[in-house]
Amino acid sequence: MSGMSLCLAVFVVLLSSAGATAQSPLVDELQTVATSYHHDPARLDAIRHGLDQTIKTDSRVEHLIALARVSFIWGDIRATTDDQKVDAYDRGRQVAKRVIELEPKNVEARFWYALNTARWGQTKGVVRSLVLLPMVQEEIQVILQLDPMFTPVYALAGHVLYEVPGLLGGDLKKAEAMFRKGLEQDPQFTAMRVGLAKTLLKLGRVAEARQELQAVLNEKAPSNPADWQLRDLQEARTLLKSAQGES
């Protein structure tokens, strides 16, 4: 997964943490901040720190999953150095793995474990990324088997299939299918649509790609307003501009 673009990250904040209750205010707050962090990114710092402290005395599954989730988001949004990113993703994968050990069929835990691991390996370098690739691919298959309606996994699967060389399991046609399946479940998942557009561009289907990119620009109710505002719009505009002269 060397060179995996930021698109891998943008879909993750669409998830809802299972079991959030009034007794877990940090989990509840993360539900809101995960899709509105563009208004106050620093809230991610406080939530991450608070959850890290909370699990020392209350390691309920919902707290562990929330920490895995915010660790990933923080690594992408707030970390300013590779060391900070590596630490955040590693923390996320560690706590997610604790949940998997307790609840092997917990789809969210497996997702955050796979995603944090993928980003951790990517940040560490090409060799580490390739070593971890089979595990990430295996987790994707497990999640799909456990819950085929778990929409974010299609974005993860699509980006892995898009980024990875064919000899290691990459496949643009399969990537397209994954992105389209995800969009069937959530048409406003703009990061998923950007991933589809990039795949179509690589397949040489420029007109179709431009249509998808324009749909991102025209979206009135994105599933994740923060991602749409800060990432998807910019990437869609850049890709659309580069495709303007192509046939």
C-alpha atoms as a PDB file:
ATOM      1  CA  MET A   1       0.000   0.000   0.000  1.00  0.00           C
ATOM      2  CA  SER A   2       2.925   2.293  -0.581  1.00  0.00           C
ATOM      3  CA  GLY A   3       1.833   5.725  -1.696  1.00  0.00           C
ATOM      4  CA  MET A   4      -1.732   5.190  -0.610  1.00  0.00           C
ATOM      5  CA  SER A   5      -3.393   8.578  -0.893  1.00  0.00           C
ATOM      6  CA  LEU A   6      -5.157  10.531   1.791  1.00  0.00           C
ATOM      7  CA  CYS A   7      -8.411   9.263   0.337  1.00  0.00           C
ATOM      8  CA  LEU A   8      -7.873   6.176   2.468  1.00  0.00           C
ATOM      9  CA  ALA A   9      -8.331   8.274   5.507  1.00  0.00           C
ATOM     10  CA  VAL A  10     -11.241  10.450   4.623  1.00  0.00           C
ATOM     11  CA  PHE A  11     -13.986   7.900   4.781  1.00  0.00           C
ATOM     12  CA  VAL A  12     -13.240   6.707   8.286  1.00  0.00           C
ATOM     13  CA  VAL A  13     -15.032   9.469  10.139  1.00  0.00           C
ATOM     14  CA  LEU A  14     -18.363   8.389   8.669  1.00  0.00           C
ATOM     15  CA  LEU A  15     -18.563   5.498  11.106  1.00  0.00           C
ATOM     16  CA  SER A  16     -20.791   5.492  14.165  1.00  0.00           C
ATOM     17  CA  SER A  17     -19.275   4.062  17.318  1.00  0.00           C
ATOM     18  CA  ALA A  18     -21.391   1.238  18.641  1.00  0.00           C
ATOM     19  CA  GLY A  19     -22.851   1.519  22.085  1.00  0.00           C
ATOM     20  CA  ALA A  20     -22.407   5.264  22.619  1.00  0.00           C
ATOM     21  CA  THR A  21     -24.524   6.278  25.599  1.00  0.00           C
ATOM     22  CA  ALA A  22     -25.102   9.253  27.859  1.00  0.00           C
ATOM     23  CA  GLN A  23     -22.701   7.598  30.317  1.00  0.00           C
ATOM     24  CA  SER A  24     -19.852   8.020  27.801  1.00  0.00           C
ATOM     25  CA  PRO A  25     -19.727  11.750  26.974  1.00  0.00           C
ATOM     26  CA  LEU A  26     -16.409  11.518  25.128  1.00  0.00           C
ATOM     27  CA  VAL A  27     -17.807   8.813  22.856  1.00  0.00           C
ATOM     28  CA  ASP A  28     -20.881  10.939  22.228  1.00  0.00           C
ATOM     29  CA  GLU A  29     -18.749  13.991  21.506  1.00  0.00           C
ATOM     30  CA  LEU A  30     -16.596  12.060  19.064  1.00  0.00           C
ATOM     31  CA  GLN A  31     -19.737  11.132  17.159  1.00  0.00           C
ATOM     32  CA  THR A  32     -20.254  14.824  16.446  1.00  0.00           C
ATOM     33  CA  VAL A  33     -16.657  15.978  16.092  1.00  0.00           C
ATOM     34  CA  ALA A  34     -15.794  13.197  13.630  1.00  0.00           C
ATOM     35  CA  THR A  35     -17.949  14.879  11.009  1.00  0.00           C
ATOM     36  CA  SER A  36     -17.471  18.491  12.097  1.00  0.00           C
ATOM     37  CA  TYR A  37     -13.799  18.694  13.047  1.00  0.00           C
ATOM     38  CA  HIS A  38     -13.254  21.379  10.432  1.00  0.00           C
ATOM     39  CA  HIS A  39     -14.919  23.851  12.806  1.00  0.00           C
ATOM     40  CA  ASP A  40     -12.531  23.143  15.696  1.00  0.00           C
ATOM     41  CA  PRO A  41      -9.793  20.564  14.960  1.00  0.00           C
ATOM     42  CA  ALA A  42      -8.298  21.043  18.426  1.00  0.00           C
ATOM     43  CA  ARG A  43     -11.261  19.192  19.951  1.00  0.00           C
ATOM     44  CA  LEU A  44      -9.682  16.030  18.582  1.00  0.00           C
ATOM     45  CA  ASP A  45      -6.745  16.620  20.938  1.00  0.00           C
ATOM     46  CA  ALA A  46      -8.967  16.791  24.009  1.00  0.00           C
ATOM     47  CA  ILE A  47     -11.084  13.791  23.036  1.00  0.00           C
ATOM     48  CA  ARG A  48      -8.039  11.663  22.290  1.00  0.00           C
ATOM     49  CA  HIS A  49      -6.372  12.576  25.584  1.00  0.00           C
ATOM     50  CA  GLY A  50      -9.593  12.079  27.511  1.00  0.00           C
ATOM     51  CA  LEU A  51     -10.215   8.620  26.075  1.00  0.00           C
ATOM     52  CA  ASP A  52      -6.608   7.612  26.644  1.00  0.00           C
ATOM     53  CA  GLN A  53      -7.029   8.499  30.311  1.00  0.00           C
ATOM     54  CA  THR A  54     -10.482   6.968  30.569  1.00  0.00           C
ATOM     55  CA  ILE A  55      -9.491   3.469  29.474  1.00  0.00           C
ATOM     56  CA  LYS A  56      -6.998   3.287  32.333  1.00  0.00           C
ATOM     57  CA  THR A  57      -9.935   2.863  34.714  1.00  0.00           C
ATOM     58  CA  ASP A  58     -12.830   2.046  32.362  1.00  0.00           C
ATOM     59  CA  SER A  59     -11.822  -0.132  29.438  1.00  0.00           C
ATOM     60  CA  ARG A  60     -15.283  -0.783  28.093  1.00  0.00           C
ATOM     61  CA  VAL A  61     -15.400  -1.806  24.446  1.00  0.00           C
ATOM     62  CA  GLU A  62     -17.046   1.455  23.408  1.00  0.00           C
ATOM     63  CA  HIS A  63     -14.161   3.427  24.917  1.00  0.00           C
ATOM     64  CA  LEU A  64     -11.527   1.276  23.231  1.00  0.00           C
ATOM     65  CA  ILE A  65     -13.221   1.537  19.836  1.00  0.00           C
ATOM     66  CA  ALA A  66     -13.626   5.298  20.210  1.00  0.00           C
ATOM     67  CA  LEU A  67      -9.922   5.643  21.069  1.00  0.00           C
ATOM     68  CA  ALA A  68      -8.976   3.551  18.033  1.00  0.00           C
ATOM     69  CA  ARG A  69     -11.159   5.771  15.911  1.00  0.00           C
ATOM     70  CA  VAL A  70      -9.938   9.130  17.190  1.00  0.00           C
ATOM     71  CA  SER A  71      -6.328   7.911  17.091  1.00  0.00           C
ATOM     72  CA  PHE A  72      -6.654   7.391  13.361  1.00  0.00           C
ATOM     73  CA  ILE A  73      -8.362  10.727  12.761  1.00  0.00           C
ATOM     74  CA  TRP A  74      -5.841  12.533  14.955  1.00  0.00           C
ATOM     75  CA  GLY A  75      -2.958  10.928  13.091  1.00  0.00           C
ATOM     76  CA  ASP A  76      -4.311  12.202   9.797  1.00  0.00           C
ATOM     77  CA  ILE A  77      -5.580  15.607  10.899  1.00  0.00           C
ATOM     78  CA  ARG A  78      -3.497  16.802  13.838  1.00  0.00           C
ATOM     79  CA  ALA A  79      -0.143  15.017  13.786  1.00  0.00           C
ATOM     80  CA  THR A  80       2.606  17.171  12.293  1.00  0.00           C
ATOM     81  CA  THR A  81       5.473  14.665  12.146  1.00  0.00           C
ATOM     82  CA  ASP A  82       5.849  11.068  11.036  1.00  0.00           C
ATOM     83  CA  ASP A  83       6.736  10.062  14.576  1.00  0.00           C
ATOM     84  CA  GLN A  84       3.486  11.532  15.881  1.00  0.00           C
ATOM     85  CA  LYS A  85       1.542   9.770  13.156  1.00  0.00           C
ATOM     86  CA  VAL A  86       3.214   6.429  13.815  1.00  0.00           C
ATOM     87  CA  ASP A  87       2.495   6.717  17.535  1.00  0.00           C
ATOM     88  CA  ALA A  88      -1.162   7.598  16.947  1.00  0.00           C
ATOM     89  CA  TYR A  89      -1.812   4.808  14.458  1.00  0.00           C
ATOM     90  CA  ASP A  90       0.027   2.307  16.629  1.00  0.00           C
ATOM     91  CA  ARG A  91      -2.071   3.282  19.633  1.00  0.00           C
ATOM     92  CA  GLY A  92      -5.199   2.883  17.530  1.00  0.00           C
ATOM     93  CA  ARG A  93      -4.274  -0.566  16.314  1.00  0.00           C
ATOM     94  CA  GLN A  94      -3.312  -1.703  19.818  1.00  0.00           C
ATOM     95  CA  VAL A  95      -6.614  -0.786  21.429  1.00  0.00           C
ATOM     96  CA  ALA A  96      -8.607  -2.133  18.495  1.00  0.00           C
ATOM     97  CA  LYS A  97      -6.764  -5.435  18.814  1.00  0.00           C
ATOM     98  CA  ARG A  98      -7.770  -5.596  22.482  1.00  0.00           C
ATOM     99  CA  VAL A  99     -11.412  -5.474  21.421  1.00  0.00           C
ATOM    100  CA  ILE A 100     -10.913  -8.158  18.790  1.00  0.00           C
ATOM    101  CA  GLU A 101      -9.428 -10.428  21.448  1.00  0.00           C
ATOM    102  CA  LEU A 102     -12.559  -9.901  23.543  1.00  0.00           C
ATOM    103  CA  GLU A 103     -15.066  -9.864  20.695  1.00  0.00           C
ATOM    104  CA  PRO A 104     -13.718 -11.528  17.519  1.00  0.00           C
ATOM    105  CA  LYS A 105     -16.858 -10.630  15.571  1.00  0.00           C
ATOM    106  CA  ASN A 106     -16.773  -6.925  16.396  1.00  0.00           C
ATOM    107  CA  VAL A 107     -16.746  -5.391  12.927  1.00  0.00           C
ATOM    108  CA  GLU A 108     -15.832  -1.872  14.010  1.00  0.00           C
ATOM    109  CA  ALA A 109     -12.842  -3.099  15.983  1.00  0.00           C
ATOM    110  CA  ARG A 110     -11.596  -5.105  13.018  1.00  0.00           C
ATOM    111  CA  PHE A 111     -12.077  -2.130  10.731  1.00  0.00           C
ATOM    112  CA  TRP A 112     -10.136   0.268  12.940  1.00  0.00           C
ATOM    113  CA  TYR A 113      -7.461  -2.349  13.477  1.00  0.00           C
ATOM    114  CA  ALA A 114      -7.038  -2.811   9.725  1.00  0.00           C
ATOM    115  CA  LEU A 115      -7.130   0.897   8.968  1.00  0.00           C
ATOM    116  CA  ASN A 116      -4.718   1.962  11.691  1.00  0.00           C
ATOM    117  CA  THR A 117      -2.397  -0.876  10.728  1.00  0.00           C
ATOM    118  CA  ALA A 118      -2.514   0.079   7.049  1.00  0.00           C
ATOM    119  CA  ARG A 119      -1.690   3.705   7.788  1.00  0.00           C
ATOM    120  CA  TRP A 120       0.948   2.742  10.365  1.00  0.00           C
ATOM    121  CA  GLY A 121       2.696   0.541   7.801  1.00  0.00           C
ATOM    122  CA  GLN A 122       2.394   3.184   5.111  1.00  0.00           C
ATOM    123  CA  THR A 123       3.972   5.801   7.345  1.00  0.00           C
ATOM    124  CA  LYS A 124       6.772   3.425   8.367  1.00  0.00           C
ATOM    125  CA  GLY A 125       7.714   2.825   4.722  1.00  0.00           C
ATOM    126  CA  VAL A 126       7.275   0.624   1.688  1.00  0.00           C
ATOM    127  CA  VAL A 127       8.745  -2.555   3.146  1.00  0.00           C
ATOM    128  CA  ARG A 128       6.641  -2.480   6.309  1.00  0.00           C
ATOM    129  CA  SER A 129       3.556  -1.610   4.292  1.00  0.00           C
ATOM    130  CA  LEU A 130       3.987  -4.612   2.011  1.00  0.00           C
ATOM    131  CA  VAL A 131       4.639  -6.931   4.944  1.00  0.00           C
ATOM    132  CA  LEU A 132       1.357  -5.881   6.557  1.00  0.00           C
ATOM    133  CA  LEU A 133      -0.654  -6.002   3.325  1.00  0.00           C
ATOM    134  CA  PRO A 134      -1.834  -9.643   3.649  1.00  0.00           C
ATOM    135  CA  MET A 135      -3.193  -8.956   7.126  1.00  0.00           C
ATOM    136  CA  VAL A 136      -5.103  -5.898   5.931  1.00  0.00           C
ATOM    137  CA  GLN A 137      -6.510  -7.849   2.992  1.00  0.00           C
ATOM    138  CA  GLU A 138      -7.563 -10.657   5.324  1.00  0.00           C
ATOM    139  CA  GLU A 139      -9.306  -8.254   7.701  1.00  0.00           C
ATOM    140  CA  ILE A 140     -11.238  -6.764   4.789  1.00  0.00           C
ATOM    141  CA  GLN A 141     -12.527 -10.192   3.822  1.00  0.00           C
ATOM    142  CA  VAL A 142     -13.503 -11.006   7.403  1.00  0.00           C
ATOM    143  CA  ILE A 143     -15.417  -7.740   7.735  1.00  0.00           C
ATOM    144  CA  LEU A 144     -17.230  -8.326   4.451  1.00  0.00           C
ATOM    145  CA  GLN A 145     -18.249 -11.771   5.638  1.00  0.00           C
ATOM    146  CA  LEU A 146     -19.393 -10.546   9.042  1.00  0.00           C
ATOM    147  CA  ASP A 147     -21.348  -7.540   7.785  1.00  0.00           C
ATOM    148  CA  PRO A 148     -21.640  -6.793   4.044  1.00  0.00           C
ATOM    149  CA  MET A 149     -23.660  -3.685   4.923  1.00  0.00           C
ATOM    150  CA  PHE A 150     -20.712  -2.097   6.739  1.00  0.00           C
ATOM    151  CA  THR A 151     -20.231   0.641   4.152  1.00  0.00           C
ATOM    152  CA  PRO A 152     -16.756   2.028   5.062  1.00  0.00           C
ATOM    153  CA  VAL A 153     -15.088  -1.312   4.369  1.00  0.00           C
ATOM    154  CA  TYR A 154     -15.854  -0.876   0.670  1.00  0.00           C
ATOM    155  CA  ALA A 155     -13.834   2.346   0.648  1.00  0.00           C
ATOM    156  CA  LEU A 156     -10.922   0.606   2.346  1.00  0.00           C
ATOM    157  CA  ALA A 157     -11.151  -2.359  -0.001  1.00  0.00           C
ATOM    158  CA  GLY A 158     -11.430  -0.101  -3.049  1.00  0.00           C
ATOM    159  CA  HIS A 159      -8.378   1.940  -2.146  1.00  0.00           C
ATOM    160  CA  VAL A 160      -6.270  -1.121  -1.411  1.00  0.00           C
ATOM    161  CA  LEU A 161      -7.236  -2.669  -4.747  1.00  0.00           C
ATOM    162  CA  TYR A 162      -6.545   0.656  -6.471  1.00  0.00           C
ATOM    163  CA  GLU A 163      -3.158   1.319  -4.870  1.00  0.00           C
ATOM    164  CA  VAL A 164      -1.610  -2.147  -4.702  1.00  0.00           C
ATOM    165  CA  PRO A 165       0.254  -3.509  -7.757  1.00  0.00           C
ATOM    166  CA  GLY A 166      -1.465  -6.287  -9.636  1.00  0.00           C
ATOM    167  CA  LEU A 167       1.148  -8.862  -8.608  1.00  0.00           C
ATOM    168  CA  LEU A 168       0.197  -8.244  -4.973  1.00  0.00           C
ATOM    169  CA  GLY A 169      -3.548  -8.397  -5.459  1.00  0.00           C
ATOM    170  CA  GLY A 170      -4.372  -5.014  -6.918  1.00  0.00           C
ATOM    171  CA  ASP A 171      -7.191  -4.929  -9.464  1.00  0.00           C
ATOM    172  CA  LEU A 172      -8.781  -1.775 -10.891  1.00  0.00           C
ATOM    173  CA  LYS A 173     -11.960  -3.535 -12.007  1.00  0.00           C
ATOM    174  CA  LYS A 174     -12.479  -4.967  -8.543  1.00  0.00           C
ATOM    175  CA  ALA A 175     -11.678  -1.579  -7.040  1.00  0.00           C
ATOM    176  CA  GLU A 176     -14.399  -0.031  -9.172  1.00  0.00           C
ATOM    177  CA  ALA A 177     -16.865  -2.684  -8.040  1.00  0.00           C
ATOM    178  CA  MET A 178     -16.052  -2.050  -4.379  1.00  0.00           C
ATOM    179  CA  PHE A 179     -16.479   1.704  -4.691  1.00  0.00           C
ATOM    180  CA  ARG A 180     -19.770   1.295  -6.554  1.00  0.00           C
ATOM    181  CA  LYS A 181     -21.074  -1.124  -3.947  1.00  0.00           C
ATOM    182  CA  GLY A 182     -20.262   1.365  -1.217  1.00  0.00           C
ATOM    183  CA  LEU A 183     -21.993   4.169  -3.102  1.00  0.00           C
ATOM    184  CA  GLU A 184     -25.090   2.015  -3.491  1.00  0.00           C
ATOM    185  CA  GLN A 185     -25.283   1.972   0.287  1.00  0.00           C
ATOM    186  CA  ASP A 186     -24.366   5.648   0.759  1.00  0.00           C
ATOM    187  CA  PRO A 187     -24.535   7.886  -2.339  1.00  0.00           C
ATOM    188  CA  GLN A 188     -23.355  10.900  -0.307  1.00  0.00           C
ATOM    189  CA  PHE A 189     -20.080   9.208   0.685  1.00  0.00           C
ATOM    190  CA  THR A 190     -17.981  11.728  -1.237  1.00  0.00           C
ATOM    191  CA  ALA A 191     -14.590  10.195  -0.427  1.00  0.00           C
ATOM    192  CA  MET A 192     -15.869   6.932  -1.890  1.00  0.00           C
ATOM    193  CA  ARG A 193     -16.887   8.811  -5.048  1.00  0.00           C
ATOM    194  CA  VAL A 194     -13.463  10.433  -5.351  1.00  0.00           C
ATOM    195  CA  GLY A 195     -11.926   6.957  -5.080  1.00  0.00           C
ATOM    196  CA  LEU A 196     -14.205   5.720  -7.858  1.00  0.00           C
ATOM    197  CA  ALA A 197     -13.264   8.688 -10.039  1.00  0.00           C
ATOM    198  CA  LYS A 198      -9.545   8.027  -9.571  1.00  0.00           C
ATOM    199  CA  THR A 199     -10.063   4.399 -10.507  1.00  0.00           C
ATOM    200  CA  LEU A 200     -12.002   5.360 -13.631  1.00  0.00           C
ATOM    201  CA  LEU A 201      -9.238   7.770 -14.615  1.00  0.00           C
ATOM    202  CA  LYS A 202      -6.656   5.027 -14.289  1.00  0.00           C
ATOM    203  CA  LEU A 203      -8.890   2.800 -16.412  1.00  0.00           C
ATOM    204  CA  GLY A 204      -8.958   5.499 -19.094  1.00  0.00           C
ATOM    205  CA  ARG A 205     -12.681   6.224 -18.699  1.00  0.00           C
ATOM    206  CA  VAL A 206     -12.223   9.962 -18.400  1.00  0.00           C
ATOM    207  CA  ALA A 207     -15.767  11.086 -19.176  1.00  0.00           C
ATOM    208  CA  GLU A 208     -17.203   8.842 -16.462  1.00  0.00           C
ATOM    209  CA  ALA A 209     -14.573  10.007 -13.999  1.00  0.00           C
ATOM    210  CA  ARG A 210     -15.366  13.648 -14.684  1.00  0.00           C
ATOM    211  CA  GLN A 211     -19.031  12.954 -14.046  1.00  0.00           C
ATOM    212  CA  GLU A 212     -18.240  11.465 -10.639  1.00  0.00           C
ATOM    213  CA  LEU A 213     -15.945  14.350  -9.734  1.00  0.00           C
ATOM    214  CA  GLN A 214     -18.583  16.893 -10.699  1.00  0.00           C
ATOM    215  CA  ALA A 215     -21.044  15.043  -8.483  1.00  0.00           C
ATOM    216  CA  VAL A 216     -18.651  15.556  -5.562  1.00  0.00           C
ATOM    217  CA  LEU A 217     -18.491  19.288  -6.299  1.00  0.00           C
ATOM    218  CA  ASN A 218     -22.284  19.487  -6.574  1.00  0.00           C
ATOM    219  CA  GLU A 219     -23.031  17.462  -3.437  1.00  0.00           C
ATOM    220  CA  LYS A 220     -25.485  19.312  -1.180  1.00  0.00           C
ATOM    221  CA  ALA A 221     -25.629  16.875   1.744  1.00  0.00           C
ATOM    222  CA  PRO A 222     -22.311  15.037   2.133  1.00  0.00           C
ATOM    223  CA  SER A 223     -22.265  12.230   4.668  1.00  0.00           C
ATOM    224  CA  ASN A 224     -19.196  13.811   6.234  1.00  0.00           C
ATOM    225  CA  PRO A 225     -19.219  17.615   5.895  1.00  0.00           C
ATOM    226  CA  ALA A 226     -15.739  17.964   7.408  1.00  0.00           C
ATOM    227  CA  ASP A 227     -14.107  15.597   4.937  1.00  0.00           C
ATOM    228  CA  TRP A 228     -16.057  17.070   2.048  1.00  0.00           C
ATOM    229  CA  GLN A 229     -15.111  20.628   2.954  1.00  0.00           C
ATOM    230  CA  LEU A 230     -11.434  20.083   3.749  1.00  0.00           C
ATOM    231  CA  ARG A 231     -10.438  17.205   1.479  1.00  0.00           C
ATOM    232  CA  ASP A 232     -12.881  15.901  -1.084  1.00  0.00           C
ATOM    233  CA  LEU A 233     -13.685  19.239  -2.716  1.00  0.00           C
ATOM    234  CA  GLN A 234     -10.021  20.106  -3.167  1.00  0.00           C
ATOM    235  CA  GLU A 235      -9.067  16.699  -4.532  1.00  0.00           C
ATOM    236  CA  ALA A 236     -12.082  16.610  -6.859  1.00  0.00           C
ATOM    237  CA  ARG A 237     -11.231  20.055  -8.243  1.00  0.00           C
ATOM    238  CA  THR A 238      -7.601  19.080  -8.803  1.00  0.00           C
ATOM    239  CA  LEU A 239      -8.494  15.833 -10.525  1.00  0.00           C
ATOM    240  CA  LEU A 240     -11.166  17.482 -12.637  1.00  0.00           C
ATOM    241  CA  LYS A 241      -8.750  20.154 -13.779  1.00  0.00           C
ATOM    242  CA  SER A 242      -6.154  17.572 -14.758  1.00  0.00           C
ATOM    243  CA  ALA A 243      -8.760  15.616 -16.697  1.00  0.00           C
ATOM    244  CA  GLN A 244     -10.148  18.599 -18.621  1.00  0.00           C
ATOM    245  CA  GLY A 245      -7.758  18.199 -21.505  1.00  0.00           C
ATOM    246  CA  GLU A 246      -8.142  14.415 -21.725  1.00  0.00           C
ATOM    247  CA  SER A 247     -10.554  12.573 -23.973  1.00  0.00           C
END
